[in-house]
Amino acid sequence: MEIDKIVADLMKERDRLVSAIAALMGAGSKSTGKRRGRKPGRKAATTAKKRRGGISKEGRKRLSEMMKKRWAERRKKGMTKLGK
């Protein structure tokens, strides 16, 4: 367990030193910091292929039936103006 902590501390120190070196080397350039936005070379088409959301035909039918049942129960109880 002690070795894991030592390794973690060394890695943290390495990251700190790398950041310090990068800051010192960048002090002479016109750059003001990290670049914002997407990484260069990324294509929007790769995200377009991922399909998110949507509902299948069966799911839409099941949802329709459930809502019809729900509203029928509400009308029976008199909770809507349609049932009065």
C-alpha atoms as a PDB file:
ATOM      1  CA  MET A   1       0.000   0.000   0.000  1.00  0.00           C
ATOM      2  CA  GLU A   2       2.834   2.401   0.794  1.00  0.00           C
ATOM      3  CA  ILE A   3       4.305   1.971  -2.692  1.00  0.00           C
ATOM      4  CA  ASP A   4       0.993   2.938  -4.301  1.00  0.00           C
ATOM      5  CA  LYS A   5       0.930   6.192  -2.341  1.00  0.00           C
ATOM      6  CA  ILE A   6       4.526   6.979  -3.282  1.00  0.00           C
ATOM      7  CA  VAL A   7       3.825   6.322  -6.957  1.00  0.00           C
ATOM      8  CA  ALA A   8       0.719   8.500  -6.841  1.00  0.00           C
ATOM      9  CA  ASP A   9       2.664  11.338  -5.199  1.00  0.00           C
ATOM     10  CA  LEU A  10       5.444  11.067  -7.797  1.00  0.00           C
ATOM     11  CA  MET A  11       2.947  11.169 -10.649  1.00  0.00           C
ATOM     12  CA  LYS A  12       1.259  14.227  -9.131  1.00  0.00           C
ATOM     13  CA  GLU A  13       4.638  15.936  -8.817  1.00  0.00           C
ATOM     14  CA  ARG A  14       5.485  15.013 -12.433  1.00  0.00           C
ATOM     15  CA  ASP A  15       2.230  16.568 -13.642  1.00  0.00           C
ATOM     16  CA  ARG A  16       2.947  19.718 -11.655  1.00  0.00           C
ATOM     17  CA  LEU A  17       6.432  19.997 -13.163  1.00  0.00           C
ATOM     18  CA  VAL A  18       5.155  19.427 -16.696  1.00  0.00           C
ATOM     19  CA  SER A  19       2.594  22.182 -16.188  1.00  0.00           C
ATOM     20  CA  ALA A  20       5.241  24.536 -14.818  1.00  0.00           C
ATOM     21  CA  ILE A  21       7.572  23.865 -17.753  1.00  0.00           C
ATOM     22  CA  ALA A  22       4.769  24.385 -20.248  1.00  0.00           C
ATOM     23  CA  ALA A  23       3.841  27.677 -18.574  1.00  0.00           C
ATOM     24  CA  LEU A  24       7.445  28.888 -18.691  1.00  0.00           C
ATOM     25  CA  MET A  25       7.895  27.908 -22.329  1.00  0.00           C
ATOM     26  CA  GLY A  26       4.605  29.523 -23.258  1.00  0.00           C
ATOM     27  CA  ALA A  27       5.434  32.776 -21.459  1.00  0.00           C
ATOM     28  CA  GLY A  28       7.450  34.001 -24.455  1.00  0.00           C
ATOM     29  CA  SER A  29       4.785  33.158 -27.026  1.00  0.00           C
ATOM     30  CA  LYS A  30       1.655  35.094 -27.951  1.00  0.00           C
ATOM     31  CA  SER A  31      -0.594  32.289 -26.750  1.00  0.00           C
ATOM     32  CA  THR A  32      -2.758  33.203 -23.766  1.00  0.00           C
ATOM     33  CA  GLY A  33      -3.738  29.704 -22.697  1.00  0.00           C
ATOM     34  CA  LYS A  34      -5.284  26.474 -23.756  1.00  0.00           C
ATOM     35  CA  ARG A  35      -7.276  26.338 -26.955  1.00  0.00           C
ATOM     36  CA  ARG A  36     -11.010  26.162 -26.459  1.00  0.00           C
ATOM     37  CA  GLY A  37     -13.483  24.220 -28.506  1.00  0.00           C
ATOM     38  CA  ARG A  38     -13.203  20.936 -30.329  1.00  0.00           C
ATOM     39  CA  LYS A  39      -9.929  19.252 -31.009  1.00  0.00           C
ATOM     40  CA  PRO A  40      -8.697  19.742 -34.562  1.00  0.00           C
ATOM     41  CA  GLY A  41      -9.421  16.868 -36.888  1.00  0.00           C
ATOM     42  CA  ARG A  42     -12.614  15.733 -35.205  1.00  0.00           C
ATOM     43  CA  LYS A  43     -15.418  15.057 -37.614  1.00  0.00           C
ATOM     44  CA  ALA A  44     -19.016  15.927 -36.915  1.00  0.00           C
ATOM     45  CA  ALA A  45     -20.088  12.908 -38.986  1.00  0.00           C
ATOM     46  CA  THR A  46     -18.916  10.489 -36.291  1.00  0.00           C
ATOM     47  CA  THR A  47     -21.365  11.930 -33.773  1.00  0.00           C
ATOM     48  CA  ALA A  48     -24.147  12.014 -36.344  1.00  0.00           C
ATOM     49  CA  LYS A  49     -23.977   8.237 -36.715  1.00  0.00           C
ATOM     50  CA  LYS A  50     -24.800   7.713 -33.048  1.00  0.00           C
ATOM     51  CA  ARG A  51     -28.556   7.523 -32.669  1.00  0.00           C
ATOM     52  CA  ARG A  52     -29.864   8.796 -29.412  1.00  0.00           C
ATOM     53  CA  GLY A  53     -33.390   8.839 -28.187  1.00  0.00           C
ATOM     54  CA  GLY A  54     -36.260   8.090 -30.454  1.00  0.00           C
ATOM     55  CA  ILE A  55     -38.877   5.462 -29.867  1.00  0.00           C
ATOM     56  CA  SER A  56     -39.652   2.291 -31.732  1.00  0.00           C
ATOM     57  CA  LYS A  57     -42.949   1.624 -33.429  1.00  0.00           C
ATOM     58  CA  GLU A  58     -43.864  -0.917 -30.740  1.00  0.00           C
ATOM     59  CA  GLY A  59     -42.862   1.469 -27.980  1.00  0.00           C
ATOM     60  CA  ARG A  60     -44.966   4.252 -29.456  1.00  0.00           C
ATOM     61  CA  LYS A  61     -47.990   1.929 -29.642  1.00  0.00           C
ATOM     62  CA  ARG A  62     -47.483   0.741 -26.055  1.00  0.00           C
ATOM     63  CA  LEU A  63     -47.168   4.326 -24.841  1.00  0.00           C
ATOM     64  CA  SER A  64     -50.327   5.304 -26.737  1.00  0.00           C
ATOM     65  CA  GLU A  65     -52.293   2.489 -25.137  1.00  0.00           C
ATOM     66  CA  MET A  66     -51.031   3.366 -21.665  1.00  0.00           C
ATOM     67  CA  MET A  67     -51.976   7.034 -22.081  1.00  0.00           C
ATOM     68  CA  LYS A  68     -55.427   6.159 -23.400  1.00  0.00           C
ATOM     69  CA  LYS A  69     -55.952   3.948 -20.358  1.00  0.00           C
ATOM     70  CA  ARG A  70     -54.703   6.684 -18.028  1.00  0.00           C
ATOM     71  CA  TRP A  71     -57.005   9.319 -19.462  1.00  0.00           C
ATOM     72  CA  ALA A  72     -59.970   6.921 -19.418  1.00  0.00           C
ATOM     73  CA  GLU A  73     -59.399   6.370 -15.684  1.00  0.00           C
ATOM     74  CA  ARG A  74     -59.205  10.112 -15.085  1.00  0.00           C
ATOM     75  CA  ARG A  75     -62.462  10.675 -16.947  1.00  0.00           C
ATOM     76  CA  LYS A  76     -64.147   8.020 -14.797  1.00  0.00           C
ATOM     77  CA  LYS A  77     -63.014   9.827 -11.637  1.00  0.00           C
ATOM     78  CA  GLY A  78     -64.241  13.155 -13.005  1.00  0.00           C
ATOM     79  CA  MET A  79     -60.857  14.830 -12.897  1.00  0.00           C
ATOM     80  CA  THR A  80     -61.194  16.301 -16.372  1.00  0.00           C
ATOM     81  CA  LYS A  81     -63.859  18.488 -17.953  1.00  0.00           C
ATOM     82  CA  LEU A  82     -64.489  15.852 -20.626  1.00  0.00           C
ATOM     83  CA  GLY A  83     -65.874  13.406 -18.079  1.00  0.00           C
ATOM     84  CA  LYS A  84     -68.372  15.807 -16.485  1.00  0.00           C
END
